[in-house]
C-alpha atoms as a PDB file:
ATOM      1  CA  MET A   1     -19.150 -16.864  -5.874  1.00  0.00           C
ATOM      2  CA  THR A   2     -16.261 -14.671  -6.896  1.00  0.00           C
ATOM      3  CA  TYR A   3     -16.386 -13.544 -10.546  1.00  0.00           C
ATOM      4  CA  PRO A   4     -13.536 -15.394 -12.189  1.00  0.00           C
ATOM      5  CA  LEU A   5     -11.619 -12.311 -13.246  1.00  0.00           C
ATOM      6  CA  PHE A   6     -11.435 -11.157  -9.765  1.00  0.00           C
ATOM      7  CA  ASP A   7     -10.942 -14.637  -8.055  1.00  0.00           C
ATOM      8  CA  LEU A   8      -7.699 -14.719  -5.947  1.00  0.00           C
ATOM      9  CA  THR A   9      -8.009 -18.130  -4.781  1.00  0.00           C
ATOM     10  CA  GLY A  10      -4.639 -20.061  -4.410  1.00  0.00           C
ATOM     11  CA  LYS A  11      -2.717 -16.623  -4.750  1.00  0.00           C
ATOM     12  CA  ARG A  12      -0.353 -15.323  -1.795  1.00  0.00           C
ATOM     13  CA  ALA A  13      -0.433 -11.695  -1.062  1.00  0.00           C
ATOM     14  CA  LEU A  14       2.355  -9.701   0.872  1.00  0.00           C
ATOM     15  CA  LEU A  15       1.241  -6.536   2.341  1.00  0.00           C
ATOM     16  CA  THR A  16       3.848  -4.446   4.230  1.00  0.00           C
ATOM     17  CA  GLY A  17       2.763  -2.191   7.040  1.00  0.00           C
ATOM     18  CA  SER A  18      -0.444  -4.002   7.434  1.00  0.00           C
ATOM     19  CA  ARG A  19      -1.194  -4.526  11.143  1.00  0.00           C
ATOM     20  CA  GLN A  20      -3.886  -1.684  10.835  1.00  0.00           C
ATOM     21  CA  GLY A  21      -5.450   1.028   8.763  1.00  0.00           C
ATOM     22  CA  ILE A  22      -5.302   0.811   5.157  1.00  0.00           C
ATOM     23  CA  GLY A  23      -2.929  -2.095   4.819  1.00  0.00           C
ATOM     24  CA  LEU A  24      -5.037  -4.210   7.157  1.00  0.00           C
ATOM     25  CA  SER A  25      -8.247  -3.342   5.239  1.00  0.00           C
ATOM     26  CA  LEU A  26      -6.428  -4.357   1.949  1.00  0.00           C
ATOM     27  CA  ALA A  27      -5.451  -7.506   3.458  1.00  0.00           C
ATOM     28  CA  ALA A  28      -9.058  -8.192   4.475  1.00  0.00           C
ATOM     29  CA  GLY A  29     -10.268  -7.367   0.896  1.00  0.00           C
ATOM     30  CA  LEU A  30      -7.677  -9.699  -0.780  1.00  0.00           C
ATOM     31  CA  GLY A  31      -8.488 -12.343   1.711  1.00  0.00           C
ATOM     32  CA  LYS A  32     -12.050 -12.277   0.942  1.00  0.00           C
ATOM     33  CA  ALA A  33     -11.412 -12.658  -2.760  1.00  0.00           C
ATOM     34  CA  GLY A  34      -9.435 -15.688  -1.837  1.00  0.00           C
ATOM     35  CA  ALA A  35      -5.913 -14.892  -1.572  1.00  0.00           C
ATOM     36  CA  ARG A  36      -3.774 -16.107   1.431  1.00  0.00           C
ATOM     37  CA  VAL A  37      -2.596 -12.755   2.905  1.00  0.00           C
ATOM     38  CA  ILE A  38       0.795 -12.347   4.544  1.00  0.00           C
ATOM     39  CA  LEU A  39       0.862  -9.388   7.115  1.00  0.00           C
ATOM     40  CA  ASN A  40       3.816  -7.559   7.678  1.00  0.00           C
ATOM     41  CA  ALA A  41       4.935  -5.083  10.656  1.00  0.00           C
ATOM     42  CA  ARG A  42       7.731  -4.605  13.183  1.00  0.00           C
ATOM     43  CA  ASN A  43       5.528  -4.890  16.110  1.00  0.00           C
ATOM     44  CA  GLN A  44       5.169  -8.608  16.794  1.00  0.00           C
ATOM     45  CA  ASP A  45       2.410  -8.433  19.356  1.00  0.00           C
ATOM     46  CA  ARG A  46       0.185  -6.066  17.150  1.00  0.00           C
ATOM     47  CA  LEU A  47       1.050  -8.126  14.156  1.00  0.00           C
ATOM     48  CA  ASP A  48      -0.132 -11.283  15.914  1.00  0.00           C
ATOM     49  CA  GLN A  49      -3.440  -9.619  16.724  1.00  0.00           C
ATOM     50  CA  ALA A  50      -4.126  -8.399  13.405  1.00  0.00           C
ATOM     51  CA  VAL A  51      -3.449 -11.876  11.991  1.00  0.00           C
ATOM     52  CA  ALA A  52      -5.869 -13.253  14.677  1.00  0.00           C
ATOM     53  CA  ASP A  53      -8.561 -10.646  13.730  1.00  0.00           C
ATOM     54  CA  LEU A  54      -8.341 -11.847   9.945  1.00  0.00           C
ATOM     55  CA  LYS A  55      -8.444 -15.415  11.021  1.00  0.00           C
ATOM     56  CA  ALA A  56     -11.469 -14.783  13.190  1.00  0.00           C
ATOM     57  CA  ALA A  57     -13.227 -13.406  10.108  1.00  0.00           C
ATOM     58  CA  GLY A  58     -12.434 -16.469   8.088  1.00  0.00           C
ATOM     59  CA  ILE A  59      -9.564 -15.205   6.381  1.00  0.00           C
ATOM     60  CA  ASP A  60      -6.318 -17.326   5.547  1.00  0.00           C
ATOM     61  CA  ALA A  61      -3.772 -14.910   7.078  1.00  0.00           C
ATOM     62  CA  VAL A  62      -0.224 -15.228   8.429  1.00  0.00           C
ATOM     63  CA  GLY A  63       2.324 -12.679   9.920  1.00  0.00           C
ATOM     64  CA  ARG A  64       5.931 -12.101   9.205  1.00  0.00           C
ATOM     65  CA  SER A  65       7.875  -9.450  11.091  1.00  0.00           C
ATOM     66  CA  PHE A  66      10.671  -7.565   9.512  1.00  0.00           C
ATOM     67  CA  ASP A  67      11.831  -3.962   8.831  1.00  0.00           C
ATOM     68  CA  VAL A  68      11.068  -2.555   5.472  1.00  0.00           C
ATOM     69  CA  THR A  69      13.671   0.281   5.772  1.00  0.00           C
ATOM     70  CA  ASP A  70      16.512  -2.423   6.161  1.00  0.00           C
ATOM     71  CA  GLN A  71      17.493  -3.894   2.727  1.00  0.00           C
ATOM     72  CA  ALA A  72      19.145  -7.026   4.271  1.00  0.00           C
ATOM     73  CA  ASP A  73      16.362  -7.931   6.647  1.00  0.00           C
ATOM     74  CA  VAL A  74      13.824  -7.329   3.650  1.00  0.00           C
ATOM     75  CA  ALA A  75      15.892  -9.644   1.360  1.00  0.00           C
ATOM     76  CA  ALA A  76      16.207 -12.402   4.065  1.00  0.00           C
ATOM     77  CA  ALA A  77      12.458 -12.079   4.955  1.00  0.00           C
ATOM     78  CA  VAL A  78      11.252 -12.445   1.251  1.00  0.00           C
ATOM     79  CA  ASP A  79      13.561 -15.327   0.541  1.00  0.00           C
ATOM     80  CA  ARG A  80      12.040 -16.942   3.811  1.00  0.00           C
ATOM     81  CA  ILE A  81       8.433 -16.142   2.827  1.00  0.00           C
ATOM     82  CA  GLU A  82       9.148 -17.800  -0.766  1.00  0.00           C
ATOM     83  CA  ALA A  83      10.773 -20.833   0.831  1.00  0.00           C
ATOM     84  CA  GLU A  84       8.400 -21.503   3.650  1.00  0.00           C
ATOM     85  CA  LEU A  85       5.064 -20.209   2.180  1.00  0.00           C
ATOM     86  CA  GLY A  86       5.464 -20.383  -1.454  1.00  0.00           C
ATOM     87  CA  PRO A  87       5.661 -17.817  -4.266  1.00  0.00           C
ATOM     88  CA  ILE A  88       4.557 -14.295  -3.649  1.00  0.00           C
ATOM     89  CA  ASP A  89       1.975 -13.733  -6.403  1.00  0.00           C
ATOM     90  CA  ILE A  90       0.961 -10.236  -5.215  1.00  0.00           C
ATOM     91  CA  LEU A  91       2.936  -7.556  -3.204  1.00  0.00           C
ATOM     92  CA  VAL A  92       1.151  -4.596  -1.616  1.00  0.00           C
ATOM     93  CA  ASN A  93       3.663  -1.913  -0.844  1.00  0.00           C
ATOM     94  CA  ASN A  94       1.774  -0.096   1.933  1.00  0.00           C
ATOM     95  CA  ALA A  95       4.229   0.739   4.724  1.00  0.00           C
ATOM     96  CA  GLY A  96       4.701   4.562   5.306  1.00  0.00           C
ATOM     97  CA  ILE A  97       4.606   7.368   7.937  1.00  0.00           C
ATOM     98  CA  GLN A  98       3.655  11.008   7.999  1.00  0.00           C
ATOM     99  CA  ARG A  99       5.672  13.596   9.781  1.00  0.00           C
ATOM    100  CA  ARG A 100       4.233  17.093   9.825  1.00  0.00           C
ATOM    101  CA  ALA A 101       6.364  20.317  10.324  1.00  0.00           C
ATOM    102  CA  PRO A 102       6.938  23.799   8.549  1.00  0.00           C
ATOM    103  CA  LEU A 103       9.397  23.118   5.749  1.00  0.00           C
ATOM    104  CA  GLU A 104      11.861  25.710   6.990  1.00  0.00           C
ATOM    105  CA  ASP A 105      11.956  23.980  10.331  1.00  0.00           C
ATOM    106  CA  TYR A 106      11.851  20.351   8.964  1.00  0.00           C
ATOM    107  CA  PRO A 107      14.629  18.286  10.679  1.00  0.00           C
ATOM    108  CA  VAL A 108      17.163  16.642   8.334  1.00  0.00           C
ATOM    109  CA  GLU A 109      16.857  13.422  10.363  1.00  0.00           C
ATOM    110  CA  THR A 110      13.229  13.422   9.925  1.00  0.00           C
ATOM    111  CA  TRP A 111      13.418  14.001   6.250  1.00  0.00           C
ATOM    112  CA  HIS A 112      15.622  10.828   5.921  1.00  0.00           C
ATOM    113  CA  GLU A 113      13.043   8.996   8.400  1.00  0.00           C
ATOM    114  CA  ILE A 114      10.212   9.778   6.085  1.00  0.00           C
ATOM    115  CA  THR A 115      12.031   8.997   2.767  1.00  0.00           C
ATOM    116  CA  ARG A 116      13.304   5.572   4.240  1.00  0.00           C
ATOM    117  CA  ALA A 117       9.860   4.522   5.308  1.00  0.00           C
ATOM    118  CA  ASN A 118       7.885   5.767   2.313  1.00  0.00           C
ATOM    119  CA  LEU A 119      10.297   5.400  -0.554  1.00  0.00           C
ATOM    120  CA  ASP A 120      13.322   3.253   0.088  1.00  0.00           C
ATOM    121  CA  SER A 121      10.984   0.422   1.380  1.00  0.00           C
ATOM    122  CA  VAL A 122       9.110   0.413  -1.744  1.00  0.00           C
ATOM    123  CA  PHE A 123      12.422  -0.170  -3.628  1.00  0.00           C
ATOM    124  CA  TYR A 124      13.694  -2.596  -1.143  1.00  0.00           C
ATOM    125  CA  VAL A 125      10.667  -4.936  -1.127  1.00  0.00           C
ATOM    126  CA  SER A 126       9.871  -4.489  -4.713  1.00  0.00           C
ATOM    127  CA  GLN A 127      13.445  -5.436  -5.711  1.00  0.00           C
ATOM    128  CA  ALA A 128      13.515  -8.388  -3.604  1.00  0.00           C
ATOM    129  CA  VAL A 129       9.998  -9.638  -4.672  1.00  0.00           C
ATOM    130  CA  GLY A 130      10.621  -8.619  -8.098  1.00  0.00           C
ATOM    131  CA  ARG A 131      13.514 -10.914  -8.582  1.00  0.00           C
ATOM    132  CA  HIS A 132      11.438 -13.923  -7.896  1.00  0.00           C
ATOM    133  CA  MET A 133       8.422 -12.555  -9.943  1.00  0.00           C
ATOM    134  CA  ILE A 134      10.725 -12.237 -13.035  1.00  0.00           C
ATOM    135  CA  ALA A 135      12.135 -15.689 -12.750  1.00  0.00           C
ATOM    136  CA  ARG A 136       8.327 -16.883 -12.842  1.00  0.00           C
ATOM    137  CA  LYS A 137       7.265 -14.509 -15.355  1.00  0.00           C
ATOM    138  CA  ARG A 138       4.244 -13.314 -13.546  1.00  0.00           C
ATOM    139  CA  GLY A 139       3.356 -11.160 -10.694  1.00  0.00           C
ATOM    140  CA  LYS A 140       1.251  -8.263  -9.406  1.00  0.00           C
ATOM    141  CA  ILE A 141       2.665  -5.133  -7.599  1.00  0.00           C
ATOM    142  CA  ILE A 142       0.550  -2.512  -6.067  1.00  0.00           C
ATOM    143  CA  ASN A 143       2.148   0.527  -4.497  1.00  0.00           C
ATOM    144  CA  ILE A 144       0.222   2.707  -2.373  1.00  0.00           C
ATOM    145  CA  ALA A 145       0.805   6.363  -3.369  1.00  0.00           C
ATOM    146  CA  SER A 146      -1.467   9.240  -2.311  1.00  0.00           C
ATOM    147  CA  LEU A 147      -3.575  12.069  -3.178  1.00  0.00           C
ATOM    148  CA  MET A 148      -0.328  13.880  -2.256  1.00  0.00           C
ATOM    149  CA  SER A 149       1.149  12.318  -5.347  1.00  0.00           C
ATOM    150  CA  GLU A 150      -0.642  14.972  -7.205  1.00  0.00           C
ATOM    151  CA  ALA A 151      -1.290  17.941  -4.694  1.00  0.00           C
ATOM    152  CA  ALA A 152       0.117  19.559  -1.619  1.00  0.00           C
ATOM    153  CA  ARG A 153      -0.716  20.924   1.592  1.00  0.00           C
ATOM    154  CA  TYR A 154       1.109  23.050   4.148  1.00  0.00           C
ATOM    155  CA  SER A 155       3.555  21.311   6.497  1.00  0.00           C
ATOM    156  CA  ILE A 156       3.804  17.859   4.587  1.00  0.00           C
ATOM    157  CA  ALA A 157       6.248  18.803   1.784  1.00  0.00           C
ATOM    158  CA  PRO A 158       8.568  15.751   2.365  1.00  0.00           C
ATOM    159  CA  TYR A 159       5.556  13.417   2.527  1.00  0.00           C
ATOM    160  CA  THR A 160       4.300  15.016  -0.807  1.00  0.00           C
ATOM    161  CA  ALA A 161       7.956  14.447  -2.335  1.00  0.00           C
ATOM    162  CA  THR A 162       7.886  10.753  -1.291  1.00  0.00           C
ATOM    163  CA  LYS A 163       4.354  10.204  -2.712  1.00  0.00           C
ATOM    164  CA  GLY A 164       5.091  11.669  -5.962  1.00  0.00           C
ATOM    165  CA  ALA A 165       8.038   9.703  -6.199  1.00  0.00           C
ATOM    166  CA  VAL A 166       6.157   6.465  -5.550  1.00  0.00           C
ATOM    167  CA  LYS A 167       3.878   7.496  -8.408  1.00  0.00           C
ATOM    168  CA  MET A 168       6.968   7.836 -10.801  1.00  0.00           C
ATOM    169  CA  PHE A 169       8.658   4.666  -9.356  1.00  0.00           C
ATOM    170  CA  THR A 170       5.669   2.891 -10.317  1.00  0.00           C
ATOM    171  CA  LYS A 171       5.883   4.055 -13.947  1.00  0.00           C
ATOM    172  CA  GLY A 172       9.642   3.150 -13.941  1.00  0.00           C
ATOM    173  CA  MET A 173       8.875  -0.225 -12.481  1.00  0.00           C
ATOM    174  CA  CYS A 174       6.457  -0.963 -15.335  1.00  0.00           C
ATOM    175  CA  THR A 175       8.858   0.162 -17.839  1.00  0.00           C
ATOM    176  CA  ASP A 176      11.501  -2.227 -16.541  1.00  0.00           C
ATOM    177  CA  TRP A 177       9.119  -5.302 -15.484  1.00  0.00           C
ATOM    178  CA  ALA A 178       6.237  -5.328 -17.920  1.00  0.00           C
ATOM    179  CA  ARG A 179       8.102  -7.300 -20.325  1.00  0.00           C
ATOM    180  CA  HIS A 180       8.146 -10.224 -17.564  1.00  0.00           C
ATOM    181  CA  ASN A 181       4.643 -10.334 -17.267  1.00  0.00           C
ATOM    182  CA  ILE A 182       4.321  -8.316 -14.108  1.00  0.00           C
ATOM    183  CA  GLN A 183       1.717  -5.639 -13.620  1.00  0.00           C
ATOM    184  CA  ILE A 184       2.856  -2.818 -11.335  1.00  0.00           C
ATOM    185  CA  ASN A 185       0.279  -0.177 -10.504  1.00  0.00           C
ATOM    186  CA  ALA A 186      -0.634   2.219  -7.699  1.00  0.00           C
ATOM    187  CA  ILE A 187      -3.496   3.256  -5.677  1.00  0.00           C
ATOM    188  CA  GLY A 188      -3.707   6.797  -4.464  1.00  0.00           C
ATOM    189  CA  PRO A 189      -6.162   7.234  -1.642  1.00  0.00           C
ATOM    190  CA  GLY A 190      -7.415  10.667  -0.659  1.00  0.00           C
ATOM    191  CA  TYR A 191      -8.633  11.447   2.888  1.00  0.00           C
ATOM    192  CA  PHE A 192      -9.481   8.314   4.816  1.00  0.00           C
ATOM    193  CA  ALA A 193     -10.312   7.996   8.455  1.00  0.00           C
ATOM    194  CA  THR A 194      -7.296   6.038   9.675  1.00  0.00           C
ATOM    195  CA  PRO A 195      -4.753   6.028  12.665  1.00  0.00           C
ATOM    196  CA  LEU A 196      -2.497   8.099  10.444  1.00  0.00           C
ATOM    197  CA  ASN A 197      -5.083  10.756   9.941  1.00  0.00           C
ATOM    198  CA  LYS A 198      -6.323  10.569  13.662  1.00  0.00           C
ATOM    199  CA  ALA A 199      -5.309  14.348  14.289  1.00  0.00           C
ATOM    200  CA  LEU A 200      -7.191  15.528  11.139  1.00  0.00           C
ATOM    201  CA  VAL A 201     -10.365  13.441  11.788  1.00  0.00           C
ATOM    202  CA  GLU A 202     -10.454  14.977  15.455  1.00  0.00           C
ATOM    203  CA  ASP A 203      -9.870  18.514  14.245  1.00  0.00           C
ATOM    204  CA  PRO A 204     -13.203  20.279  13.701  1.00  0.00           C
ATOM    205  CA  VAL A 205     -11.818  22.869  11.523  1.00  0.00           C
ATOM    206  CA  PHE A 206     -10.052  20.514   9.099  1.00  0.00           C
ATOM    207  CA  ASP A 207     -12.929  18.059   9.148  1.00  0.00           C
ATOM    208  CA  GLU A 208     -15.250  20.942   8.006  1.00  0.00           C
ATOM    209  CA  TRP A 209     -12.712  21.958   5.369  1.00  0.00           C
ATOM    210  CA  LEU A 210     -12.396  18.266   4.265  1.00  0.00           C
ATOM    211  CA  ARG A 211     -16.251  17.719   3.888  1.00  0.00           C
ATOM    212  CA  LYS A 212     -16.558  20.790   1.938  1.00  0.00           C
ATOM    213  CA  ARG A 213     -13.481  20.239  -0.465  1.00  0.00           C
ATOM    214  CA  THR A 214     -14.284  16.678  -1.068  1.00  0.00           C
ATOM    215  CA  PRO A 215     -17.209  16.358  -3.758  1.00  0.00           C
ATOM    216  CA  ALA A 216     -18.550  13.170  -2.142  1.00  0.00           C
ATOM    217  CA  GLY A 217     -18.784  15.226   1.121  1.00  0.00           C
ATOM    218  CA  ARG A 218     -17.331  12.929   3.633  1.00  0.00           C
ATOM    219  CA  TRP A 219     -14.162  11.073   4.730  1.00  0.00           C
ATOM    220  CA  GLY A 220     -13.371   7.798   3.074  1.00  0.00           C
ATOM    221  CA  GLN A 221     -13.720   4.405   4.757  1.00  0.00           C
ATOM    222  CA  THR A 222     -10.741   1.921   4.391  1.00  0.00           C
ATOM    223  CA  GLU A 223     -12.827  -0.856   3.058  1.00  0.00           C
ATOM    224  CA  GLU A 224     -13.693   1.451   0.027  1.00  0.00           C
ATOM    225  CA  LEU A 225     -10.149   0.727  -1.086  1.00  0.00           C
ATOM    226  CA  GLN A 226     -10.589  -2.996  -1.335  1.00  0.00           C
ATOM    227  CA  GLY A 227     -12.361  -3.035  -4.649  1.00  0.00           C
ATOM    228  CA  ALA A 228      -9.277  -1.148  -6.570  1.00  0.00           C
ATOM    229  CA  ALA A 229      -6.769  -3.506  -4.767  1.00  0.00           C
ATOM    230  CA  ILE A 230      -8.719  -6.546  -5.946  1.00  0.00           C
ATOM    231  CA  PHE A 231      -8.896  -5.343  -9.498  1.00  0.00           C
ATOM    232  CA  LEU A 232      -5.299  -4.504  -9.414  1.00  0.00           C
ATOM    233  CA  ALA A 233      -4.359  -7.931  -7.874  1.00  0.00           C
ATOM    234  CA  SER A 234      -6.502 -10.005 -10.094  1.00  0.00           C
ATOM    235  CA  ALA A 235      -6.486 -11.079 -13.815  1.00  0.00           C
ATOM    236  CA  ALA A 236      -8.929  -8.274 -14.511  1.00  0.00           C
ATOM    237  CA  SER A 237      -5.919  -5.919 -14.820  1.00  0.00           C
ATOM    238  CA  ASP A 238      -3.522  -8.208 -16.922  1.00  0.00           C
ATOM    239  CA  PHE A 239      -3.092  -5.281 -19.459  1.00  0.00           C
ATOM    240  CA  VAL A 240      -3.163  -2.436 -16.898  1.00  0.00           C
ATOM    241  CA  ASN A 241       0.424  -1.274 -16.121  1.00  0.00           C
ATOM    242  CA  GLY A 242       2.263   1.923 -14.763  1.00  0.00           C
ATOM    243  CA  GLN A 243      -1.016   3.558 -13.609  1.00  0.00           C
ATOM    244  CA  THR A 244      -2.287   5.263 -10.490  1.00  0.00           C
ATOM    245  CA  ILE A 245      -5.934   4.943  -9.470  1.00  0.00           C
ATOM    246  CA  TYR A 246      -7.005   7.697  -7.222  1.00  0.00           C
ATOM    247  CA  VAL A 247      -9.566   6.903  -4.699  1.00  0.00           C
ATOM    248  CA  ASP A 248     -10.591  10.268  -3.394  1.00  0.00           C
ATOM    249  CA  GLY A 249     -14.313  11.014  -3.349  1.00  0.00           C
ATOM    250  CA  GLY A 250     -13.557  13.188  -6.348  1.00  0.00           C
ATOM    251  CA  VAL A 251     -11.107  15.817  -4.831  1.00  0.00           C
ATOM    252  CA  LEU A 252      -8.693  15.880  -7.621  1.00  0.00           C
ATOM    253  CA  ALA A 253     -11.711  16.226 -10.211  1.00  0.00           C
ATOM    254  CA  THR A 254     -12.416  19.855  -9.091  1.00  0.00           C
ATOM    255  CA  LEU A 255     -10.745  23.077  -8.003  1.00  0.00           C
END
């Protein structure tokens, strides 16, 4: 039986960018804690498969396809979800992309692509959902930040900029909305074995560096993010606000 403080039974959780990787794993975790999870992606076929996989595991899941980088599409989709499925109690802003290139050669159009996906989407979805949460005087918002909210590596300066902004936007959201009984926090994953990091996982040089650099000595597994998400989505975190919890195997703890 789920400990009451962490019980999400009867709650509805919307997770953006959740057809695979971290988003799908977080959906599984929240679902196992009792929440009805609403998956989001643009590709309907892959979204349907992700929903089917969760249902096969006994999780109450539905899918809603909309573009998180399109403000009008987001607003319409959130209103439809609220009307058709009920109040969104938990929002997880997970959608994001990575585009690597030397900064001096980084295309302007790619800069705009990554800022739309990683930062604008957080604003659009949070604002649309937040208005409903404010009216109800309750809600939980979890932004997915990154180890790169605090540190940087070669060829990903724009990604680092967006994730640093997500960290600070989390603080700003708390400052505006905590008075409405909404808790807004972030999770900062370190290096996890996900489709987004496939090239790094398969690079023996990077893999060796990562294992030496991480005190835990290994890549993270996406299931290891579920506990932090359940905590931040549940009553256990009702007085936790504006914080970023880093789940990184100890990388930020050591030089």
